[in-house]
Amino acid sequence: MITWLRNKRFTSDESMRKGTIYKLVQVVKPKRKLYRIDSHLQSLGHTEVRLPPYNCDLSAIELAWAKVKSVVREGNMTGGLSFQKLRGITLKAIDAVTKTDWEAYCRHVQKLEEEYWKKDSIVTDVIDIMDISGDSSSGSEKSKSGGGGGGGGGEDDDDEEEEEEEVQLSDSQLTTPLH
């Protein structure tokens, strides 16, 4: 980390604690990775758009590659092709992806994006109306349903204890590893 900081022209030395050095690295490092291709595209007046990681369904190129792989599989019935024959089949498979195919793949991805945006707004709306403060009617519903837990002390004290137990149970469930 010290070498990295020095290469970035920031002073640090071996006497500094690791935590301090790490905090300095966090301050110095860029908030966003910058790539040469991005600056080149920007110089040409374009804006790059990154696909979300692990969402291959939002990448039209994945659909095109699926077609290429399908054509290669169909052409490789025996499985024992030489490199030259496999290369030839692969080049033909790439040529098999037409402009019409590509346009259809792009339309499909756009349709999926629209569906995801609709679903995203639905989830946001649901989250907005949920009350997670504990002051919702769920507390009074519990006392109505017989969850008050015996006589004696004030009802409010029992409700508070129940809510604390539920939170603890919820926390332990969340921290338990899946088997």
N, C-alpha and C. Protein backbone atom coordinates (compact mmCIF):
# COMPACT_ATOMS: atom_id res chain seq x y z
N MET A 1 0.82 -1.19 0.00
CA MET A 1 0.00 0.00 0.00
C MET A 1 0.87 1.26 0.00
N ILE A 2 1.97 1.19 0.73
CA ILE A 2 2.87 2.34 0.78
C ILE A 2 3.46 2.62 -0.59
N THR A 3 3.88 1.56 -1.28
CA THR A 3 4.44 1.72 -2.63
C THR A 3 3.39 2.32 -3.57
N TRP A 4 2.17 1.84 -3.47
CA TRP A 4 1.08 2.34 -4.32
C TRP A 4 0.86 3.83 -4.06
N LEU A 5 0.83 4.20 -2.77
CA LEU A 5 0.64 5.61 -2.42
C LEU A 5 1.79 6.47 -2.94
N ARG A 6 3.01 5.96 -2.83
CA ARG A 6 4.16 6.72 -3.33
C ARG A 6 4.10 6.89 -4.84
N ASN A 7 3.64 5.83 -5.55
CA ASN A 7 3.48 5.93 -7.01
C ASN A 7 2.43 6.96 -7.38
N LYS A 8 1.48 7.19 -6.48
CA LYS A 8 0.44 8.20 -6.70
C LYS A 8 0.87 9.57 -6.18
N ARG A 9 2.15 9.66 -5.74
CA ARG A 9 2.77 10.90 -5.26
C ARG A 9 2.16 11.39 -3.95
N PHE A 10 1.81 10.44 -3.07
CA PHE A 10 1.34 10.78 -1.74
C PHE A 10 2.37 10.29 -0.73
N THR A 11 2.63 11.08 0.27
CA THR A 11 3.65 10.70 1.24
C THR A 11 3.09 9.73 2.27
N SER A 12 3.85 8.72 2.53
CA SER A 12 3.55 7.75 3.58
C SER A 12 4.86 7.06 3.93
N ASP A 13 4.90 6.51 5.11
CA ASP A 13 6.13 5.82 5.50
C ASP A 13 5.79 4.56 6.28
N GLU A 14 6.81 3.76 6.53
CA GLU A 14 6.65 2.47 7.17
C GLU A 14 6.21 2.58 8.62
N SER A 15 6.39 3.73 9.24
CA SER A 15 6.01 3.89 10.65
C SER A 15 4.50 4.08 10.82
N MET A 16 3.79 4.33 9.74
CA MET A 16 2.34 4.52 9.83
C MET A 16 1.66 3.18 10.10
N ARG A 17 0.57 3.23 10.83
CA ARG A 17 -0.20 2.02 11.11
C ARG A 17 -1.00 1.63 9.86
N LYS A 18 -1.27 0.34 9.77
CA LYS A 18 -1.96 -0.18 8.57
C LYS A 18 -3.33 0.47 8.40
N GLY A 19 -4.07 0.66 9.49
CA GLY A 19 -5.39 1.29 9.40
C GLY A 19 -5.32 2.70 8.84
N THR A 20 -4.31 3.44 9.26
CA THR A 20 -4.12 4.81 8.76
C THR A 20 -3.78 4.80 7.28
N ILE A 21 -2.89 3.87 6.91
CA ILE A 21 -2.52 3.76 5.49
C ILE A 21 -3.74 3.39 4.66
N TYR A 22 -4.55 2.46 5.16
CA TYR A 22 -5.75 2.03 4.42
C TYR A 22 -6.71 3.19 4.23
N LYS A 23 -6.91 3.98 5.27
CA LYS A 23 -7.80 5.15 5.14
C LYS A 23 -7.26 6.11 4.09
N LEU A 24 -5.95 6.29 4.06
CA LEU A 24 -5.34 7.17 3.06
C LEU A 24 -5.54 6.61 1.65
N VAL A 25 -5.40 5.29 1.50
CA VAL A 25 -5.64 4.65 0.20
C VAL A 25 -7.08 4.89 -0.24
N GLN A 26 -8.03 4.77 0.69
CA GLN A 26 -9.44 4.98 0.35
C GLN A 26 -9.70 6.40 -0.13
N VAL A 27 -8.99 7.35 0.43
CA VAL A 27 -9.15 8.75 0.02
C VAL A 27 -8.53 8.98 -1.35
N VAL A 28 -7.36 8.36 -1.58
CA VAL A 28 -6.60 8.60 -2.81
C VAL A 28 -7.19 7.89 -4.01
N LYS A 29 -7.66 6.66 -3.82
CA LYS A 29 -8.11 5.89 -4.98
C LYS A 29 -9.35 6.50 -5.61
N PRO A 30 -9.46 6.41 -6.92
CA PRO A 30 -10.61 7.00 -7.60
C PRO A 30 -11.91 6.31 -7.17
N LYS A 31 -12.98 7.06 -7.14
CA LYS A 31 -14.28 6.52 -6.75
C LYS A 31 -14.81 5.54 -7.80
N ARG A 32 -14.34 5.71 -9.02
CA ARG A 32 -14.82 4.90 -10.13
C ARG A 32 -13.62 4.49 -10.98
N LYS A 33 -13.62 3.26 -11.45
CA LYS A 33 -12.53 2.83 -12.32
C LYS A 33 -12.62 3.57 -13.64
N LEU A 34 -11.48 4.03 -14.10
CA LEU A 34 -11.42 4.72 -15.37
C LEU A 34 -10.65 3.85 -16.36
N TYR A 35 -11.21 3.71 -17.55
CA TYR A 35 -10.59 2.89 -18.59
C TYR A 35 -10.24 3.78 -19.77
N ARG A 36 -9.20 3.40 -20.49
CA ARG A 36 -8.79 4.17 -21.67
C ARG A 36 -9.91 4.23 -22.70
N ILE A 37 -10.61 3.12 -22.87
CA ILE A 37 -11.69 3.10 -23.86
C ILE A 37 -12.77 4.12 -23.53
N ASP A 38 -13.03 4.33 -22.22
CA ASP A 38 -14.04 5.30 -21.82
C ASP A 38 -13.62 6.72 -22.21
N SER A 39 -12.37 7.06 -21.94
CA SER A 39 -11.91 8.41 -22.30
C SER A 39 -11.89 8.58 -23.82
N HIS A 40 -11.55 7.51 -24.54
CA HIS A 40 -11.56 7.58 -26.01
C HIS A 40 -12.99 7.80 -26.51
N LEU A 41 -13.93 7.05 -25.96
CA LEU A 41 -15.33 7.21 -26.37
C LEU A 41 -15.83 8.62 -26.05
N GLN A 42 -15.47 9.13 -24.87
CA GLN A 42 -15.88 10.48 -24.49
C GLN A 42 -15.29 11.53 -25.42
N SER A 43 -14.05 11.30 -25.87
CA SER A 43 -13.44 12.25 -26.79
C SER A 43 -14.16 12.27 -28.14
N LEU A 44 -14.85 11.16 -28.46
CA LEU A 44 -15.63 11.09 -29.69
C LEU A 44 -17.08 11.52 -29.49
N GLY A 45 -17.41 11.94 -28.26
CA GLY A 45 -18.76 12.42 -27.98
C GLY A 45 -19.73 11.34 -27.54
N HIS A 46 -19.23 10.17 -27.19
CA HIS A 46 -20.09 9.07 -26.75
C HIS A 46 -20.05 8.93 -25.23
N THR A 47 -21.07 8.31 -24.68
CA THR A 47 -21.10 7.99 -23.26
C THR A 47 -21.20 6.49 -23.11
N GLU A 48 -20.32 5.93 -22.29
CA GLU A 48 -20.35 4.48 -22.10
C GLU A 48 -21.47 4.12 -21.12
N VAL A 49 -22.03 2.97 -21.34
CA VAL A 49 -23.06 2.45 -20.44
C VAL A 49 -22.62 1.05 -20.04
N ARG A 50 -22.48 0.84 -18.76
CA ARG A 50 -22.05 -0.46 -18.26
C ARG A 50 -23.27 -1.33 -17.96
N LEU A 51 -23.15 -2.59 -18.31
CA LEU A 51 -24.19 -3.54 -17.96
C LEU A 51 -24.00 -3.95 -16.51
N PRO A 52 -25.10 -4.22 -15.82
CA PRO A 52 -24.93 -4.68 -14.45
C PRO A 52 -24.23 -6.04 -14.43
N PRO A 53 -23.35 -6.26 -13.46
CA PRO A 53 -22.65 -7.55 -13.42
C PRO A 53 -23.62 -8.70 -13.19
N TYR A 54 -23.33 -9.81 -13.79
CA TYR A 54 -24.08 -11.05 -13.64
C TYR A 54 -25.50 -10.97 -14.20
N ASN A 55 -25.78 -10.03 -15.08
CA ASN A 55 -27.08 -9.94 -15.73
C ASN A 55 -26.89 -10.16 -17.23
N CYS A 56 -26.55 -11.38 -17.60
CA CYS A 56 -26.29 -11.66 -19.01
C CYS A 56 -27.57 -11.53 -19.84
N ASP A 57 -28.74 -11.59 -19.19
CA ASP A 57 -29.98 -11.45 -19.95
C ASP A 57 -30.16 -10.04 -20.48
N LEU A 58 -29.40 -9.07 -19.99
CA LEU A 58 -29.48 -7.70 -20.49
C LEU A 58 -28.39 -7.40 -21.51
N SER A 59 -27.74 -8.43 -22.00
CA SER A 59 -26.68 -8.26 -22.99
C SER A 59 -27.07 -8.96 -24.29
N ALA A 60 -27.29 -8.17 -25.32
CA ALA A 60 -27.68 -8.73 -26.61
C ALA A 60 -26.59 -9.64 -27.19
N ILE A 61 -25.34 -9.35 -26.87
CA ILE A 61 -24.24 -10.16 -27.40
C ILE A 61 -24.34 -11.59 -26.88
N GLU A 62 -24.87 -11.78 -25.68
CA GLU A 62 -25.03 -13.13 -25.14
C GLU A 62 -26.00 -13.96 -25.99
N LEU A 63 -27.04 -13.30 -26.48
CA LEU A 63 -27.99 -13.99 -27.36
C LEU A 63 -27.32 -14.36 -28.69
N ALA A 64 -26.50 -13.46 -29.20
CA ALA A 64 -25.79 -13.75 -30.44
C ALA A 64 -24.82 -14.92 -30.24
N TRP A 65 -24.09 -14.92 -29.13
CA TRP A 65 -23.16 -16.02 -28.86
C TRP A 65 -23.90 -17.34 -28.67
N ALA A 66 -25.09 -17.28 -28.09
CA ALA A 66 -25.88 -18.50 -27.94
C ALA A 66 -26.20 -19.10 -29.31
N LYS A 67 -26.52 -18.24 -30.29
CA LYS A 67 -26.79 -18.74 -31.63
C LYS A 67 -25.52 -19.32 -32.25
N VAL A 68 -24.40 -18.62 -32.07
CA VAL A 68 -23.13 -19.12 -32.62
C VAL A 68 -22.82 -20.49 -32.04
N LYS A 69 -22.93 -20.63 -30.73
CA LYS A 69 -22.62 -21.91 -30.09
C LYS A 69 -23.57 -23.02 -30.57
N SER A 70 -24.83 -22.65 -30.80
CA SER A 70 -25.80 -23.64 -31.28
C SER A 70 -25.41 -24.13 -32.68
N VAL A 71 -25.03 -23.20 -33.55
CA VAL A 71 -24.62 -23.57 -34.91
C VAL A 71 -23.35 -24.42 -34.88
N VAL A 72 -22.41 -24.07 -34.01
CA VAL A 72 -21.17 -24.85 -33.89
C VAL A 72 -21.50 -26.27 -33.42
N ARG A 73 -22.38 -26.39 -32.43
CA ARG A 73 -22.76 -27.72 -31.93
C ARG A 73 -23.40 -28.56 -33.04
N GLU A 74 -24.27 -27.92 -33.83
CA GLU A 74 -24.92 -28.65 -34.93
C GLU A 74 -23.91 -29.11 -35.97
N GLY A 75 -22.88 -28.31 -36.21
CA GLY A 75 -21.88 -28.64 -37.21
C GLY A 75 -20.83 -29.61 -36.70
N ASN A 76 -20.78 -29.83 -35.40
CA ASN A 76 -19.77 -30.70 -34.80
C ASN A 76 -20.46 -31.95 -34.25
N MET A 77 -21.09 -32.70 -35.13
CA MET A 77 -21.85 -33.88 -34.72
C MET A 77 -20.95 -34.98 -34.16
N THR A 78 -19.76 -35.14 -34.71
CA THR A 78 -18.90 -36.24 -34.28
C THR A 78 -18.10 -35.90 -33.04
N GLY A 79 -17.81 -34.61 -32.81
CA GLY A 79 -17.04 -34.20 -31.66
C GLY A 79 -15.55 -34.37 -31.85
N GLY A 80 -15.11 -34.92 -32.96
CA GLY A 80 -13.69 -35.14 -33.18
C GLY A 80 -13.16 -34.33 -34.34
N LEU A 81 -13.53 -33.07 -34.44
CA LEU A 81 -13.08 -32.24 -35.55
C LEU A 81 -11.66 -31.74 -35.32
N SER A 82 -10.98 -31.52 -36.40
CA SER A 82 -9.66 -30.88 -36.31
C SER A 82 -9.87 -29.41 -36.02
N PHE A 83 -8.81 -28.75 -35.61
CA PHE A 83 -8.89 -27.33 -35.31
C PHE A 83 -9.34 -26.54 -36.53
N GLN A 84 -8.81 -26.88 -37.71
CA GLN A 84 -9.15 -26.14 -38.93
C GLN A 84 -10.65 -26.26 -39.26
N LYS A 85 -11.19 -27.49 -39.13
CA LYS A 85 -12.62 -27.67 -39.42
C LYS A 85 -13.48 -26.94 -38.39
N LEU A 86 -13.08 -27.01 -37.12
CA LEU A 86 -13.82 -26.33 -36.06
C LEU A 86 -13.78 -24.81 -36.28
N ARG A 87 -12.64 -24.30 -36.69
CA ARG A 87 -12.50 -22.88 -36.98
C ARG A 87 -13.43 -22.48 -38.13
N GLY A 88 -13.47 -23.31 -39.17
CA GLY A 88 -14.35 -23.02 -40.30
C GLY A 88 -15.82 -23.01 -39.89
N ILE A 89 -16.21 -23.99 -39.09
CA ILE A 89 -17.60 -24.04 -38.61
C ILE A 89 -17.92 -22.81 -37.75
N THR A 90 -16.96 -22.41 -36.91
CA THR A 90 -17.17 -21.25 -36.04
C THR A 90 -17.33 -19.98 -36.86
N LEU A 91 -16.51 -19.80 -37.87
CA LEU A 91 -16.63 -18.61 -38.72
C LEU A 91 -17.97 -18.58 -39.45
N LYS A 92 -18.42 -19.75 -39.92
CA LYS A 92 -19.74 -19.82 -40.56
C LYS A 92 -20.84 -19.50 -39.54
N ALA A 93 -20.66 -19.97 -38.29
CA ALA A 93 -21.65 -19.71 -37.24
C ALA A 93 -21.73 -18.22 -36.93
N ILE A 94 -20.58 -17.57 -36.91
CA ILE A 94 -20.58 -16.12 -36.66
C ILE A 94 -21.29 -15.39 -37.80
N ASP A 95 -21.05 -15.83 -39.02
CA ASP A 95 -21.72 -15.23 -40.17
C ASP A 95 -23.23 -15.50 -40.15
N ALA A 96 -23.64 -16.56 -39.44
CA ALA A 96 -25.05 -16.92 -39.38
C ALA A 96 -25.87 -15.92 -38.56
N VAL A 97 -25.19 -15.13 -37.72
CA VAL A 97 -25.90 -14.09 -36.95
C VAL A 97 -26.08 -12.90 -37.88
N THR A 98 -27.30 -12.69 -38.31
CA THR A 98 -27.59 -11.65 -39.29
C THR A 98 -27.96 -10.33 -38.62
N LYS A 99 -28.06 -9.31 -39.44
CA LYS A 99 -28.48 -8.00 -38.95
C LYS A 99 -29.88 -8.11 -38.34
N THR A 100 -30.74 -8.87 -38.96
CA THR A 100 -32.10 -9.07 -38.46
C THR A 100 -32.08 -9.75 -37.09
N ASP A 101 -31.19 -10.76 -36.94
CA ASP A 101 -31.05 -11.42 -35.64
C ASP A 101 -30.63 -10.41 -34.58
N TRP A 102 -29.60 -9.62 -34.91
CA TRP A 102 -29.08 -8.65 -33.95
C TRP A 102 -30.15 -7.65 -33.53
N GLU A 103 -30.92 -7.16 -34.50
CA GLU A 103 -32.00 -6.22 -34.17
C GLU A 103 -33.02 -6.87 -33.25
N ALA A 104 -33.35 -8.13 -33.49
CA ALA A 104 -34.29 -8.85 -32.64
C ALA A 104 -33.73 -9.03 -31.22
N TYR A 105 -32.44 -9.32 -31.13
CA TYR A 105 -31.81 -9.48 -29.81
C TYR A 105 -31.88 -8.15 -29.04
N CYS A 106 -31.60 -7.06 -29.72
CA CYS A 106 -31.64 -5.75 -29.08
C CYS A 106 -33.05 -5.39 -28.62
N ARG A 107 -34.05 -5.68 -29.46
CA ARG A 107 -35.44 -5.43 -29.06
C ARG A 107 -35.81 -6.27 -27.84
N HIS A 108 -35.36 -7.51 -27.82
CA HIS A 108 -35.64 -8.39 -26.69
C HIS A 108 -35.04 -7.82 -25.40
N VAL A 109 -33.81 -7.35 -25.46
CA VAL A 109 -33.14 -6.79 -24.29
C VAL A 109 -33.87 -5.52 -23.84
N GLN A 110 -34.29 -4.69 -24.79
CA GLN A 110 -35.02 -3.47 -24.43
C GLN A 110 -36.33 -3.81 -23.73
N LYS A 111 -37.00 -4.85 -24.21
CA LYS A 111 -38.25 -5.29 -23.58
C LYS A 111 -37.99 -5.75 -22.15
N LEU A 112 -36.92 -6.51 -21.94
CA LEU A 112 -36.56 -6.96 -20.60
C LEU A 112 -36.23 -5.79 -19.69
N GLU A 113 -35.51 -4.81 -20.22
CA GLU A 113 -35.18 -3.62 -19.43
C GLU A 113 -36.45 -2.93 -18.96
N GLU A 114 -37.40 -2.76 -19.86
CA GLU A 114 -38.66 -2.11 -19.50
C GLU A 114 -39.39 -2.89 -18.41
N GLU A 115 -39.41 -4.22 -18.53
CA GLU A 115 -40.04 -5.05 -17.51
C GLU A 115 -39.34 -4.89 -16.17
N TYR A 116 -38.01 -4.87 -16.18
CA TYR A 116 -37.25 -4.71 -14.94
C TYR A 116 -37.53 -3.34 -14.31
N TRP A 117 -37.61 -2.29 -15.14
CA TRP A 117 -37.90 -0.97 -14.60
C TRP A 117 -39.28 -0.94 -13.96
N LYS A 118 -40.25 -1.58 -14.58
CA LYS A 118 -41.60 -1.64 -14.00
C LYS A 118 -41.57 -2.38 -12.67
N LYS A 119 -40.90 -3.53 -12.63
CA LYS A 119 -40.80 -4.30 -11.39
C LYS A 119 -40.06 -3.51 -10.32
N ASP A 120 -39.04 -2.78 -10.72
CA ASP A 120 -38.26 -2.00 -9.77
C ASP A 120 -39.13 -0.94 -9.12
N SER A 121 -39.98 -0.28 -9.89
CA SER A 121 -40.84 0.75 -9.31
C SER A 121 -41.88 0.13 -8.39
N ILE A 122 -42.33 -1.08 -8.69
CA ILE A 122 -43.29 -1.76 -7.82
C ILE A 122 -42.64 -2.06 -6.48
N VAL A 123 -41.42 -2.58 -6.50
CA VAL A 123 -40.72 -2.88 -5.25
C VAL A 123 -40.50 -1.60 -4.46
N THR A 124 -40.12 -0.52 -5.11
CA THR A 124 -39.91 0.75 -4.43
C THR A 124 -41.19 1.22 -3.77
N ASP A 125 -42.32 1.09 -4.47
CA ASP A 125 -43.60 1.50 -3.91
C ASP A 125 -43.93 0.67 -2.67
N VAL A 126 -43.68 -0.63 -2.71
CA VAL A 126 -43.97 -1.49 -1.57
C VAL A 126 -43.08 -1.11 -0.39
N ILE A 127 -41.82 -0.86 -0.64
CA ILE A 127 -40.91 -0.48 0.44
C ILE A 127 -41.34 0.85 1.04
N ASP A 128 -41.79 1.79 0.22
CA ASP A 128 -42.21 3.09 0.71
C ASP A 128 -43.39 2.99 1.67
N ILE A 129 -44.30 2.04 1.47
CA ILE A 129 -45.48 1.98 2.32
C ILE A 129 -45.30 1.10 3.54
N MET A 130 -44.20 0.35 3.61
CA MET A 130 -43.95 -0.50 4.78
C MET A 130 -43.47 0.36 5.93
N ASP A 131 -43.93 0.03 7.15
CA ASP A 131 -43.50 0.74 8.34
C ASP A 131 -42.60 -0.18 9.13
N ILE A 132 -41.32 0.12 9.16
CA ILE A 132 -40.38 -0.74 9.86
C ILE A 132 -39.96 -0.15 11.20
N SER A 133 -40.62 0.92 11.64
CA SER A 133 -40.22 1.58 12.88
C SER A 133 -40.72 0.86 14.11
N GLY A 134 -41.68 -0.07 13.96
CA GLY A 134 -42.24 -0.76 15.12
C GLY A 134 -43.46 -0.06 15.67
N ASP A 135 -43.81 1.11 15.12
CA ASP A 135 -44.97 1.85 15.59
C ASP A 135 -46.22 1.54 14.78
N SER A 136 -46.14 0.53 13.92
CA SER A 136 -47.27 0.22 13.06
C SER A 136 -48.35 -0.49 13.85
N SER A 137 -49.43 -0.80 13.18
CA SER A 137 -50.56 -1.46 13.82
C SER A 137 -50.27 -2.90 14.16
N SER A 138 -49.13 -3.43 13.73
CA SER A 138 -48.82 -4.83 14.00
C SER A 138 -48.69 -5.09 15.49
N GLY A 139 -48.20 -4.11 16.26
CA GLY A 139 -48.09 -4.27 17.71
C GLY A 139 -49.44 -4.40 18.36
N SER A 140 -50.41 -3.57 17.95
CA SER A 140 -51.73 -3.66 18.54
C SER A 140 -52.45 -4.90 18.06
N GLU A 141 -52.16 -5.36 16.85
CA GLU A 141 -52.78 -6.59 16.37
C GLU A 141 -52.32 -7.78 17.18
N LYS A 142 -51.05 -7.78 17.62
CA LYS A 142 -50.54 -8.89 18.42
C LYS A 142 -51.25 -8.96 19.75
N SER A 143 -51.49 -7.78 20.37
CA SER A 143 -52.15 -7.82 21.67
C SER A 143 -53.59 -8.24 21.51
N LYS A 144 -54.22 -7.94 20.37
CA LYS A 144 -55.59 -8.38 20.13
C LYS A 144 -55.65 -9.88 19.90
N SER A 145 -54.59 -10.45 19.33
CA SER A 145 -54.63 -11.86 18.97
C SER A 145 -54.22 -12.75 20.13
N GLY A 146 -54.09 -12.20 21.33
CA GLY A 146 -53.79 -13.02 22.49
C GLY A 146 -52.32 -13.21 22.71
N GLY A 147 -51.49 -12.43 22.09
CA GLY A 147 -50.05 -12.56 22.28
C GLY A 147 -49.54 -11.73 23.43
N GLY A 148 -50.43 -11.24 24.31
CA GLY A 148 -50.07 -10.35 25.41
C GLY A 148 -49.22 -11.01 26.45
N GLY A 149 -49.34 -12.31 26.67
CA GLY A 149 -48.45 -13.02 27.56
C GLY A 149 -48.74 -12.87 29.02
N GLY A 150 -49.96 -13.12 29.45
CA GLY A 150 -50.22 -13.26 30.89
C GLY A 150 -50.64 -11.97 31.54
N GLY A 151 -50.92 -12.11 32.84
CA GLY A 151 -51.41 -10.96 33.58
C GLY A 151 -50.31 -10.30 34.34
N GLY A 152 -50.76 -9.44 35.24
CA GLY A 152 -49.76 -8.81 36.08
C GLY A 152 -49.42 -7.44 35.58
N GLY A 153 -48.21 -7.24 35.16
CA GLY A 153 -47.67 -5.94 34.78
C GLY A 153 -48.45 -5.27 33.67
N GLY A 154 -48.01 -4.08 33.33
CA GLY A 154 -48.69 -3.32 32.29
C GLY A 154 -48.56 -3.98 30.93
N GLU A 155 -49.61 -3.78 30.15
CA GLU A 155 -49.63 -4.40 28.81
C GLU A 155 -48.52 -3.86 27.92
N ASP A 156 -48.21 -2.56 28.10
CA ASP A 156 -47.18 -1.96 27.26
C ASP A 156 -45.83 -2.61 27.48
N ASP A 157 -45.51 -2.98 28.73
CA ASP A 157 -44.23 -3.63 29.01
C ASP A 157 -44.14 -4.97 28.31
N ASP A 158 -45.23 -5.76 28.33
CA ASP A 158 -45.23 -7.07 27.69
C ASP A 158 -45.04 -6.93 26.18
N ASP A 159 -45.73 -5.93 25.59
CA ASP A 159 -45.60 -5.73 24.14
C ASP A 159 -44.16 -5.39 23.76
N GLU A 160 -43.50 -4.56 24.58
CA GLU A 160 -42.12 -4.18 24.28
C GLU A 160 -41.21 -5.40 24.36
N GLU A 161 -41.42 -6.27 25.37
CA GLU A 161 -40.60 -7.46 25.49
C GLU A 161 -40.79 -8.37 24.29
N GLU A 162 -42.07 -8.52 23.84
CA GLU A 162 -42.34 -9.38 22.69
C GLU A 162 -41.64 -8.84 21.45
N GLU A 163 -41.72 -7.54 21.26
CA GLU A 163 -41.08 -6.96 20.08
C GLU A 163 -39.58 -7.18 20.13
N GLU A 164 -38.96 -7.05 21.30
CA GLU A 164 -37.52 -7.27 21.41
C GLU A 164 -37.18 -8.72 21.09
N GLU A 165 -38.00 -9.66 21.58
CA GLU A 165 -37.74 -11.06 21.29
C GLU A 165 -37.82 -11.32 19.80
N GLU A 166 -38.81 -10.73 19.13
CA GLU A 166 -38.96 -10.94 17.69
C GLU A 166 -37.75 -10.41 16.94
N VAL A 167 -37.25 -9.26 17.32
CA VAL A 167 -36.10 -8.68 16.65
C VAL A 167 -34.89 -9.59 16.85
N GLN A 168 -34.70 -10.10 18.07
CA GLN A 168 -33.58 -10.99 18.32
C GLN A 168 -33.72 -12.26 17.50
N LEU A 169 -34.92 -12.82 17.45
CA LEU A 169 -35.14 -14.02 16.66
C LEU A 169 -34.86 -13.74 15.19
N SER A 170 -35.33 -12.60 14.73
CA SER A 170 -35.10 -12.25 13.33
C SER A 170 -33.60 -12.11 13.05
N ASP A 171 -32.88 -11.47 13.97
CA ASP A 171 -31.44 -11.30 13.78
C ASP A 171 -30.73 -12.65 13.74
N SER A 172 -31.11 -13.54 14.65
CA SER A 172 -30.43 -14.84 14.67
C SER A 172 -30.75 -15.65 13.42
N GLN A 173 -31.96 -15.51 12.92
CA GLN A 173 -32.29 -16.21 11.68
C GLN A 173 -31.47 -15.67 10.53
N LEU A 174 -31.25 -14.38 10.52
CA LEU A 174 -30.49 -13.78 9.43
C LEU A 174 -29.01 -14.16 9.49
N THR A 175 -28.49 -14.39 10.67
CA THR A 175 -27.07 -14.70 10.79
C THR A 175 -26.77 -16.19 10.77
N THR A 176 -27.81 -17.02 10.75
CA THR A 176 -27.59 -18.46 10.70
C THR A 176 -27.22 -18.86 9.27
N PRO A 177 -26.10 -19.61 9.10
CA PRO A 177 -25.72 -20.03 7.75
C PRO A 177 -26.73 -21.00 7.16
N LEU A 178 -26.90 -20.94 5.86
CA LEU A 178 -27.77 -21.88 5.19
C LEU A 178 -27.08 -23.21 5.07
N HIS A 179 -27.84 -24.30 5.21
CA HIS A 179 -27.25 -25.64 5.13
C HIS A 179 -27.57 -26.27 3.81
